[in-house]
Amino acid sequence: MWLLLLCFGLIFSYGLVAFQAFYLGLLDRIFIWTSRYLTEEILANERKELQKLGKDWKRNPKAKGQQKSKQNKRKRNKKQLLRPVRGVLCEQMQMCCDMIAEGMGLVMEDEVAPRFVSAPLPPGKWNLLTRDLNVPLGMLSLRLKLVWLLALLFRYVLLMPLRTVTCLSCLLVVPTTTAVIGVLCKLPCNRRASRWLLRQCLNMTANFVPILRRYHNPENRPTKGICVCNHTNPLDVLILSCDVHYSLTGQRHDGILGVFQRSLSRVSPHMWFDRREPEEREALGEALRKHVQCPDKPPILLFPEGTCINNSAVMQFRKGSFSVSDIVYPIAIRYGRRYGEAYWDSTRYSMFRYMLMLVTAWCLSCDIWYLPPVARLPNESPVNFAHRVKGMIADQAGLDNLPWDGNLKRVITDRDW
C-alpha cells in the first residue's frame, strides 16, 4: 500500500514540476501588469497632489473665523489647501520631535536589526501578497482590489487545501519509507538504492510545497567531510537533502519533529543532542571528529550561523564547525522573493504560522551553489578560517558579509517600541 502511495506521489509531484513553466509564466504576466498599473496609479496621485500644491497652496489665517454659507465653503475647499498658523514654540517643538524621530530611526535601522525581519520587495515588484505590499490596501483602485481578492481566493481556497493534504500525506510516507529503508541499509549492496529512494521522497515533499530548486556547480558536490551553509529557514535541510545525502546534527526534539528525527536516523548516522546538557555538547565534537575520519560515511551538514537570517546577509560563523576538520565544503543558498518570502522570523511567528505562510504563498525559488573544498592555511586559527569561508559564501550568493553574531536576533530592540 505504501509503495503504491509513494509511486502515485512521485508521478503527481513530477507532474507538478512539468506544470511549473506555464504556472510561473502566467504569474509573471499578472505581476508585471499589476506592478505597472500600481506604479501608474501612484504617479497619478502624486501628480494630482503636486498640482494642488503648485496652484492652490495659500495661507489664509482667517479661514476659521469666516462665516459663510456651505456652498461657498465647498468651493473654497476645492481651490485652496488651508494651513493653520503655528507659533514659534510649536514649530521649534516639531523640529525637535523630527530630529528625535530620525535619531531613533537610525538606532533601530542599523545594519543588524533589518536582517531579522522579512526584507521588502524592490519597488514595483508587487506579487499580490499583502505582507509584501508597501502601499496600504485601502488606497488601491477597484481594479487592483478585485485582482488581489481573486488571488487571495485562489491561494486560500485552492492552493492551501491541496498543499496541506499533500504535505500531510508526506508526513505518513516519509516515516514509513525510512522504516523500510532502514532495513535495506543493513545490506551494503542496498545502501545506494535506499539513499536514492530517500531522496525521491524528499523531492516529492519539496515539489508539494512547492520549491523551485536550481543547483549550480554539481561537480563540487560533497561526498564526505563537513559541509557549511548559510541559514534562512528549516527548509534548507530539505532543499539540500534533495540533491545530496547528508548526516545532520541538531537539537533533540519531541513530538512530530522527534518522529522525523528518529525516522531519519534509521537511514543515516545523524547526531541529535540536547544543548542544555554540557556533556552532550562536548561529546558532539568528538562524534564529529570520528565521523569525519570514516570515508564511507556521508558528509555532515552544519549551519554555523546558529539561527535564521533573512537571506540578505551572512553573519558570524561559529568556530566549532571549523575546529573539527581542516577541510570544509562550503555551500551557498539564496532565495528569490519574487513568488514568496522564505525567511522564518522565529521571534514573531510560530512554526504553524510559518507553514501557513508557505502553503499560501505562490511558491518558493532558490539557487544553491556548491563551492570547491577549502583547506585551512598553516597557522590559521579556526576563527580566521571561519571568517574566510563565510566571505566566500557571501560573495557567491551576493549577500552582505557582516561580522555580527546572529544571537543578537533574540536580544534586539523591540521594533514596536
Protein backbone atom coordinates (compact mmCIF):
# COMPACT_ATOMS: atom_id res chain seq x y z
CA MET A 1 0.00 0.00 0.00
CA TRP A 2 2.72 2.44 0.95
CA LEU A 3 4.59 1.60 -2.26
CA LEU A 4 1.55 2.47 -4.38
CA LEU A 5 1.10 5.70 -2.45
CA LEU A 6 4.76 6.55 -2.99
CA CYS A 7 4.54 5.84 -6.73
CA PHE A 8 1.40 7.97 -7.05
CA GLY A 9 3.04 10.77 -5.11
CA LEU A 10 6.14 10.72 -7.31
CA ILE A 11 4.08 10.81 -10.51
CA PHE A 12 1.90 13.61 -9.15
CA SER A 13 4.85 15.64 -7.85
CA TYR A 14 6.82 15.43 -11.08
CA GLY A 15 3.64 16.28 -12.95
CA LEU A 16 3.54 19.47 -10.90
CA VAL A 17 7.12 20.19 -11.97
CA ALA A 18 6.10 19.87 -15.62
CA PHE A 19 3.22 22.30 -14.98
CA GLN A 20 5.51 24.87 -13.35
CA ALA A 21 6.61 26.54 -16.60
CA PHE A 22 3.04 27.51 -17.51
CA TYR A 23 2.22 28.42 -13.91
CA LEU A 24 5.24 30.71 -13.48
CA GLY A 25 4.77 32.32 -16.89
CA LEU A 26 1.17 33.21 -16.03
CA LEU A 27 2.23 34.56 -12.64
CA ASP A 28 4.93 36.74 -14.19
CA ARG A 29 2.45 38.29 -16.63
CA ILE A 30 0.00 39.06 -13.83
CA PHE A 31 2.76 40.51 -11.63
CA ILE A 32 4.00 42.75 -14.45
CA TRP A 33 0.50 44.04 -15.16
CA THR A 34 -0.34 44.74 -11.52
CA SER A 35 3.02 46.38 -10.83
CA ARG A 36 2.72 48.65 -13.88
CA TYR A 37 -0.86 49.56 -13.02
CA LEU A 38 0.07 50.22 -9.39
CA THR A 39 3.02 52.40 -10.43
CA GLU A 40 0.84 54.41 -12.80
CA GLU A 41 -1.76 54.87 -10.08
CA ILE A 42 0.82 56.10 -7.55
CA LEU A 43 2.33 58.52 -10.08
CA ALA A 44 -1.12 59.86 -10.98
CA ASN A 45 -1.90 60.53 -7.31
CA GLU A 46 1.44 62.28 -6.88
CA ARG A 47 0.79 64.50 -9.91
CA LYS A 48 -2.59 65.49 -8.52
CA GLU A 49 -1.04 66.42 -5.17
CA LEU A 50 1.71 68.42 -6.87
CA GLN A 51 -0.84 70.30 -8.93
CA LYS A 52 -2.77 71.18 -5.79
CA LEU A 53 0.36 72.32 -4.01
CA GLY A 54 1.62 74.27 -7.03
CA LYS A 55 -1.55 76.15 -7.86
CA ASP A 56 -3.76 76.40 -4.83
CA TRP A 57 -1.37 76.43 -1.82
CA LYS A 58 -2.25 79.64 0.03
CA ARG A 59 -2.04 80.94 3.55
CA ASN A 60 -5.35 82.05 4.97
CA PRO A 61 -5.12 82.63 8.76
CA LYS A 62 -8.66 83.98 8.96
CA ALA A 63 -10.25 80.97 7.30
CA LYS A 64 -11.57 79.51 10.53
CA GLY A 65 -13.16 82.81 11.57
CA GLN A 66 -15.03 83.38 8.38
CA GLN A 67 -18.71 82.59 8.49
CA LYS A 68 -20.05 81.88 5.06
CA SER A 69 -22.59 79.63 3.54
CA LYS A 70 -21.91 75.92 2.97
CA GLN A 71 -21.84 76.38 -0.77
CA ASN A 72 -19.02 78.96 -0.59
CA LYS A 73 -17.05 76.71 1.80
CA ARG A 74 -17.22 73.79 -0.62
CA LYS A 75 -15.96 75.94 -3.48
CA ARG A 76 -13.17 77.40 -1.38
CA ASN A 77 -12.02 73.95 -0.13
CA LYS A 78 -11.64 72.80 -3.72
CA LYS A 79 -9.48 75.77 -4.70
CA GLN A 80 -7.15 76.13 -1.73
CA LEU A 81 -5.43 73.96 0.86
CA LEU A 82 -5.58 75.71 4.20
CA ARG A 83 -2.65 75.75 6.59
CA PRO A 84 -3.13 76.89 10.19
CA VAL A 85 -0.74 79.43 11.60
CA ARG A 86 1.77 77.93 14.04
CA GLY A 87 3.54 79.68 16.79
CA VAL A 88 7.30 79.83 17.08
CA LEU A 89 7.30 77.44 20.03
CA CYS A 90 5.14 74.92 18.16
CA GLU A 91 7.47 74.97 15.14
CA GLN A 92 10.54 74.51 17.35
CA MET A 93 8.91 71.59 19.16
CA GLN A 94 8.06 69.96 15.85
CA MET A 95 11.65 70.38 14.68
CA CYS A 96 12.92 68.74 17.87
CA CYS A 97 10.46 65.86 17.51
CA ASP A 98 11.54 65.31 13.91
CA MET A 99 15.19 65.18 14.95
CA ILE A 100 14.40 62.73 17.78
CA ALA A 101 12.39 60.55 15.40
CA GLU A 102 15.25 60.49 12.87
CA GLY A 103 17.72 59.61 15.62
CA MET A 104 15.55 56.76 16.87
CA GLY A 105 15.19 55.56 13.30
CA LEU A 106 18.96 55.42 12.90
CA VAL A 107 19.23 53.44 16.13
CA MET A 108 16.53 50.99 15.09
CA GLU A 109 17.56 50.66 11.44
CA ASP A 110 21.20 49.73 11.89
CA GLU A 111 22.87 47.10 9.74
CA VAL A 112 21.87 44.27 12.11
CA ALA A 113 18.18 44.79 13.00
CA PRO A 114 16.88 44.70 9.38
CA ARG A 115 18.47 41.24 8.93
CA PHE A 116 15.99 39.67 11.34
CA VAL A 117 12.78 40.75 9.58
CA SER A 118 11.46 39.95 6.13
CA ALA A 119 13.27 42.05 3.54
CA PRO A 120 10.93 44.24 1.44
CA LEU A 121 10.42 43.64 -2.24
CA PRO A 122 12.11 46.01 -4.70
CA PRO A 123 9.91 48.95 -5.80
CA GLY A 124 7.43 48.00 -8.49
CA LYS A 125 7.68 44.24 -7.81
CA TRP A 126 4.39 43.57 -6.05
CA ASN A 127 3.46 39.85 -6.09
CA LEU A 128 -0.16 40.22 -4.87
CA LEU A 129 0.81 39.19 -1.32
CA THR A 130 -0.42 41.77 1.21
CA ARG A 131 2.58 41.28 3.51
CA ASP A 132 4.87 42.43 0.66
CA LEU A 133 2.78 45.48 -0.30
CA ASN A 134 4.33 48.83 0.63
CA VAL A 135 1.06 50.68 -0.13
CA PRO A 136 -2.00 50.43 2.18
CA LEU A 137 -4.61 48.10 0.72
CA GLY A 138 -7.32 50.73 1.13
CA MET A 139 -5.53 53.09 -1.28
CA LEU A 140 -5.69 50.62 -4.17
CA SER A 141 -8.09 51.16 -7.02
CA LEU A 142 -11.15 48.98 -7.51
CA ARG A 143 -9.47 47.03 -10.30
CA LEU A 144 -6.38 46.18 -8.23
CA LYS A 145 -8.53 45.27 -5.23
CA LEU A 146 -10.51 42.87 -7.42
CA VAL A 147 -7.33 41.21 -8.74
CA TRP A 148 -5.95 40.93 -5.20
CA LEU A 149 -9.22 39.40 -3.96
CA LEU A 150 -9.22 36.80 -6.77
CA ALA A 151 -5.60 35.93 -5.97
CA LEU A 152 -6.48 35.63 -2.27
CA LEU A 153 -9.33 33.23 -3.03
CA PHE A 154 -7.13 31.18 -5.35
CA ARG A 155 -4.38 30.82 -2.74
CA TYR A 156 -6.60 30.06 0.25
CA VAL A 157 -9.40 28.09 -1.44
CA LEU A 158 -7.38 26.01 -3.92
CA LEU A 159 -3.66 26.06 -3.14
CA MET A 160 -3.81 25.86 0.65
CA PRO A 161 -6.08 22.75 0.93
CA LEU A 162 -4.23 20.96 -1.88
CA ARG A 163 -0.80 21.61 -0.42
CA THR A 164 -1.95 20.81 3.10
CA VAL A 165 -3.30 17.41 2.07
CA THR A 166 -0.21 16.51 0.04
CA CYS A 167 2.18 17.63 2.78
CA LEU A 168 0.25 15.64 5.38
CA SER A 169 0.48 12.61 3.13
CA CYS A 170 4.25 13.10 3.08
CA LEU A 171 4.22 13.01 6.88
CA LEU A 172 2.92 9.45 6.56
CA VAL A 173 5.00 8.35 3.60
CA VAL A 174 8.42 9.54 4.80
CA PRO A 175 8.47 7.72 8.20
CA THR A 176 7.08 4.57 6.59
CA THR A 177 9.60 4.71 3.78
CA THR A 178 12.50 5.34 6.12
CA ALA A 179 11.47 2.31 8.18
CA VAL A 180 11.77 0.13 5.08
CA ILE A 181 14.96 1.89 4.03
CA GLY A 182 16.40 1.23 7.47
CA VAL A 183 16.02 -2.48 6.83
CA LEU A 184 17.58 -2.19 3.38
CA CYS A 185 20.53 -0.17 4.70
CA LYS A 186 21.69 -3.13 6.75
CA LEU A 187 22.74 -4.73 3.49
CA PRO A 188 25.76 -2.92 1.94
CA CYS A 189 24.59 -3.63 -1.61
CA ASN A 190 21.29 -1.84 -0.96
CA ARG A 191 22.77 1.27 0.66
CA ARG A 192 22.94 3.27 -2.57
CA ALA A 193 19.40 2.27 -3.61
CA SER A 194 17.98 3.15 -0.21
CA ARG A 195 19.57 6.61 -0.28
CA TRP A 196 18.19 7.20 -3.76
CA LEU A 197 14.72 6.22 -2.53
CA LEU A 198 15.00 8.64 0.39
CA ARG A 199 15.97 11.49 -1.95
CA GLN A 200 12.91 10.74 -4.09
CA CYS A 201 10.68 11.03 -1.01
CA LEU A 202 12.28 14.36 -0.11
CA ASN A 203 11.95 15.59 -3.70
CA MET A 204 8.27 14.71 -3.60
CA THR A 205 7.86 16.74 -0.40
CA ALA A 206 9.70 19.73 -1.89
CA ASN A 207 7.56 19.61 -5.04
CA PHE A 208 4.38 19.66 -2.99
CA VAL A 209 5.31 22.86 -1.09
CA PRO A 210 6.38 23.76 -3.93
CA ILE A 211 10.06 24.77 -4.00
CA LEU A 212 11.83 25.61 -7.27
CA ARG A 213 15.46 24.48 -6.88
CA ARG A 214 18.41 25.29 -9.11
CA TYR A 215 21.70 23.54 -8.28
CA HIS A 216 24.91 25.04 -9.65
CA ASN A 217 28.42 23.56 -9.96
CA PRO A 218 27.37 19.93 -9.44
CA GLU A 219 30.98 18.83 -9.92
CA ASN A 220 31.68 20.23 -6.42
CA ARG A 221 29.03 18.12 -4.69
CA PRO A 222 30.38 16.98 -1.31
CA THR A 223 30.85 13.27 -0.74
CA LYS A 224 32.48 13.33 2.72
CA GLY A 225 33.72 15.68 5.41
CA ILE A 226 31.91 18.73 6.80
CA CYS A 227 29.64 20.99 4.75
CA VAL A 228 28.79 24.50 5.96
CA CYS A 229 25.97 26.65 4.60
CA ASN A 230 24.19 29.91 5.39
CA HIS A 231 20.83 29.51 7.10
CA THR A 232 17.44 31.04 6.25
CA ASN A 233 14.73 28.60 7.35
CA PRO A 234 14.17 24.94 8.32
CA LEU A 235 13.56 24.08 4.66
CA ASP A 236 17.29 24.46 3.97
CA VAL A 237 17.79 20.89 5.17
CA LEU A 238 15.05 19.60 2.86
CA ILE A 239 16.36 21.50 -0.16
CA LEU A 240 19.96 20.38 0.26
CA SER A 241 19.00 16.78 1.07
CA CYS A 242 17.05 16.53 -2.18
CA ASP A 243 20.37 16.51 -4.07
CA VAL A 244 22.93 15.02 -1.63
CA HIS A 245 22.58 12.54 1.21
CA TYR A 246 23.76 14.21 4.46
CA SER A 247 24.21 13.40 8.10
CA LEU A 248 22.58 16.05 10.29
CA THR A 249 23.26 17.47 13.72
CA GLY A 250 20.82 19.42 15.84
CA GLN A 251 18.74 19.81 18.95
CA ARG A 252 16.82 16.72 20.04
CA HIS A 253 13.05 17.35 19.84
CA ASP A 254 9.84 15.70 20.92
CA GLY A 255 6.55 15.49 19.08
CA ILE A 256 6.37 15.37 15.31
CA LEU A 257 9.91 16.68 14.87
CA GLY A 258 11.12 13.91 17.14
CA VAL A 259 9.32 11.35 14.97
CA PHE A 260 11.14 12.65 11.90
CA GLN A 261 14.46 12.67 13.70
CA ARG A 262 14.09 9.07 14.75
CA SER A 263 12.91 8.01 11.31
CA LEU A 264 15.83 9.74 9.56
CA SER A 265 18.25 8.12 11.99
CA ARG A 266 17.30 4.74 10.54
CA VAL A 267 18.84 5.75 7.21
CA SER A 268 21.88 7.83 8.12
CA PRO A 269 24.03 8.35 11.24
CA HIS A 270 22.52 11.63 12.40
CA MET A 271 23.66 13.21 15.66
CA TRP A 272 20.96 14.70 17.88
CA PHE A 273 21.87 16.25 21.21
CA ASP A 274 20.49 18.44 24.00
CA ARG A 275 22.08 21.89 24.20
CA ARG A 276 21.17 22.14 27.88
CA GLU A 277 23.45 19.22 28.71
CA PRO A 278 27.16 20.23 28.64
CA GLU A 279 28.24 16.60 28.46
CA GLU A 280 26.30 16.02 25.24
CA ARG A 281 27.71 19.16 23.63
CA GLU A 282 31.24 18.07 24.41
CA ALA A 283 30.52 14.56 23.14
CA LEU A 284 29.22 16.03 19.89
CA GLY A 285 32.65 17.41 18.98
CA GLU A 286 34.26 14.02 19.48
CA ALA A 287 31.49 12.35 17.45
CA LEU A 288 32.06 14.81 14.60
CA ARG A 289 35.79 14.05 14.55
CA LYS A 290 35.16 10.30 14.40
CA HIS A 291 32.55 10.79 11.67
CA VAL A 292 34.94 12.82 9.50
CA GLN A 293 37.64 10.16 9.80
CA CYS A 294 35.35 7.48 8.31
CA PRO A 295 35.42 7.81 4.48
CA ASP A 296 32.35 5.61 3.97
CA LYS A 297 30.02 7.88 5.96
CA PRO A 298 28.00 10.68 4.29
CA PRO A 299 29.03 14.34 4.67
CA ILE A 300 27.84 16.30 7.70
CA LEU A 301 25.64 19.36 7.08
CA LEU A 302 26.15 22.26 9.52
CA PHE A 303 24.76 25.80 9.76
CA PRO A 304 27.47 27.77 11.63
CA GLU A 305 25.32 30.91 11.99
CA GLY A 306 23.16 29.10 14.53
CA THR A 307 19.97 30.99 13.62
CA CYS A 308 17.87 32.04 10.63
CA ILE A 309 18.87 35.23 8.76
CA ASN A 310 16.57 36.87 6.21
CA ASN A 311 18.80 35.90 3.26
CA SER A 312 20.16 39.40 2.77
CA ALA A 313 23.43 38.82 4.69
CA VAL A 314 25.70 36.16 6.16
CA MET A 315 26.52 36.64 9.83
CA GLN A 316 29.23 35.34 12.12
CA PHE A 317 30.16 31.67 11.78
CA ARG A 318 30.86 29.73 14.98
CA LYS A 319 34.38 28.38 15.17
CA GLY A 320 33.31 24.94 16.42
CA SER A 321 32.48 23.72 12.93
CA PHE A 322 35.94 24.71 11.70
CA SER A 323 37.99 23.25 14.54
CA VAL A 324 36.86 19.68 13.82
CA SER A 325 38.32 19.34 10.33
CA ASP A 326 40.97 21.14 8.27
CA ILE A 327 38.86 20.85 5.10
CA VAL A 328 35.27 22.07 4.71
CA TYR A 329 32.86 22.10 1.77
CA PRO A 330 31.06 25.48 1.54
CA ILE A 331 27.51 25.69 0.17
CA ALA A 332 25.76 28.98 -0.64
CA ILE A 333 21.99 29.23 -0.85
CA ARG A 334 19.91 32.23 -1.84
CA TYR A 335 16.12 32.55 -2.09
CA GLY A 336 14.24 34.72 -4.52
CA ARG A 337 11.45 36.96 -3.22
CA ARG A 338 9.52 37.10 -6.47
CA TYR A 339 6.91 34.48 -5.55
CA GLY A 340 7.02 34.44 -1.76
CA GLU A 341 9.10 35.09 1.35
CA ALA A 342 11.13 32.12 2.60
CA TYR A 343 12.53 33.67 5.80
CA TRP A 344 11.22 32.37 9.13
CA ASP A 345 11.20 35.01 11.86
CA SER A 346 11.05 32.61 14.80
CA THR A 347 10.81 35.50 17.30
CA ARG A 348 7.47 36.62 15.81
CA TYR A 349 5.89 33.62 14.08
CA SER A 350 5.34 30.11 15.36
CA MET A 351 6.09 27.08 13.21
CA PHE A 352 2.38 26.70 12.43
CA ARG A 353 2.12 30.33 11.30
CA TYR A 354 5.23 29.93 9.16
CA MET A 355 3.89 26.78 7.49
CA LEU A 356 0.61 28.61 6.82
CA MET A 357 2.56 31.40 5.12
CA LEU A 358 4.37 28.81 2.99
CA VAL A 359 1.29 26.93 1.76
CA THR A 360 -0.48 30.23 0.94
CA ALA A 361 2.44 31.72 -0.99
CA TRP A 362 2.72 31.28 -4.74
CA CYS A 363 5.86 29.17 -4.41
CA LEU A 364 9.49 29.40 -3.26
CA SER A 365 12.52 29.67 -5.51
CA CYS A 366 16.16 29.27 -4.55
CA ASP A 367 19.63 28.84 -6.03
CA ILE A 368 22.24 26.54 -4.50
CA TRP A 369 25.95 26.79 -5.30
CA TYR A 370 28.45 24.06 -4.43
CA LEU A 371 31.82 25.69 -3.82
CA PRO A 372 35.17 23.87 -4.10
CA PRO A 373 36.55 22.45 -0.83
CA VAL A 374 38.51 24.93 1.28
CA ALA A 375 41.54 23.87 3.33
CA ARG A 376 42.80 25.64 6.40
CA LEU A 377 46.05 27.51 5.87
CA PRO A 378 49.13 26.82 8.00
CA ASN A 379 48.95 28.62 11.35
CA GLU A 380 45.38 29.78 10.59
CA SER A 381 43.09 29.82 13.61
CA PRO A 382 39.56 28.34 13.43
CA VAL A 383 38.13 31.86 13.81
CA ASN A 384 40.02 33.20 10.79
CA PHE A 385 39.22 30.03 8.86
CA ALA A 386 35.50 30.52 9.58
CA HIS A 387 35.66 34.19 8.56
CA ARG A 388 37.35 33.32 5.26
CA VAL A 389 34.79 30.65 4.37
CA LYS A 390 31.94 32.98 5.34
CA GLY A 391 33.27 35.60 2.93
CA MET A 392 33.37 33.07 0.09
CA ILE A 393 29.74 32.07 0.69
CA ALA A 394 28.61 35.71 0.88
CA ASP A 395 30.41 36.62 -2.35
CA GLN A 396 28.99 33.66 -4.24
CA ALA A 397 25.39 34.26 -3.14
CA GLY A 398 25.62 38.06 -3.45
CA LEU A 399 24.87 38.64 0.25
CA ASP A 400 26.33 41.15 2.71
CA ASN A 401 29.22 39.86 4.82
CA LEU A 402 28.61 41.01 8.41
CA PRO A 403 30.80 40.28 11.45
CA TRP A 404 27.93 40.35 13.96
CA ASP A 405 26.67 37.39 15.96
CA GLY A 406 23.29 36.02 14.89
CA ASN A 407 22.25 35.63 18.54
CA LEU A 408 21.52 39.38 18.51
CA LYS A 409 18.24 38.30 16.97
CA ARG A 410 16.98 37.32 20.41
CA VAL A 411 18.18 40.45 22.22
CA ILE A 412 17.39 43.04 19.55
CA THR A 413 15.44 46.18 20.49
CA ASP A 414 11.69 45.80 20.24
CA ARG A 415 10.66 47.40 16.93
CA ASP A 416 7.12 48.11 18.17
CA TRP A 417 8.56 50.24 20.97
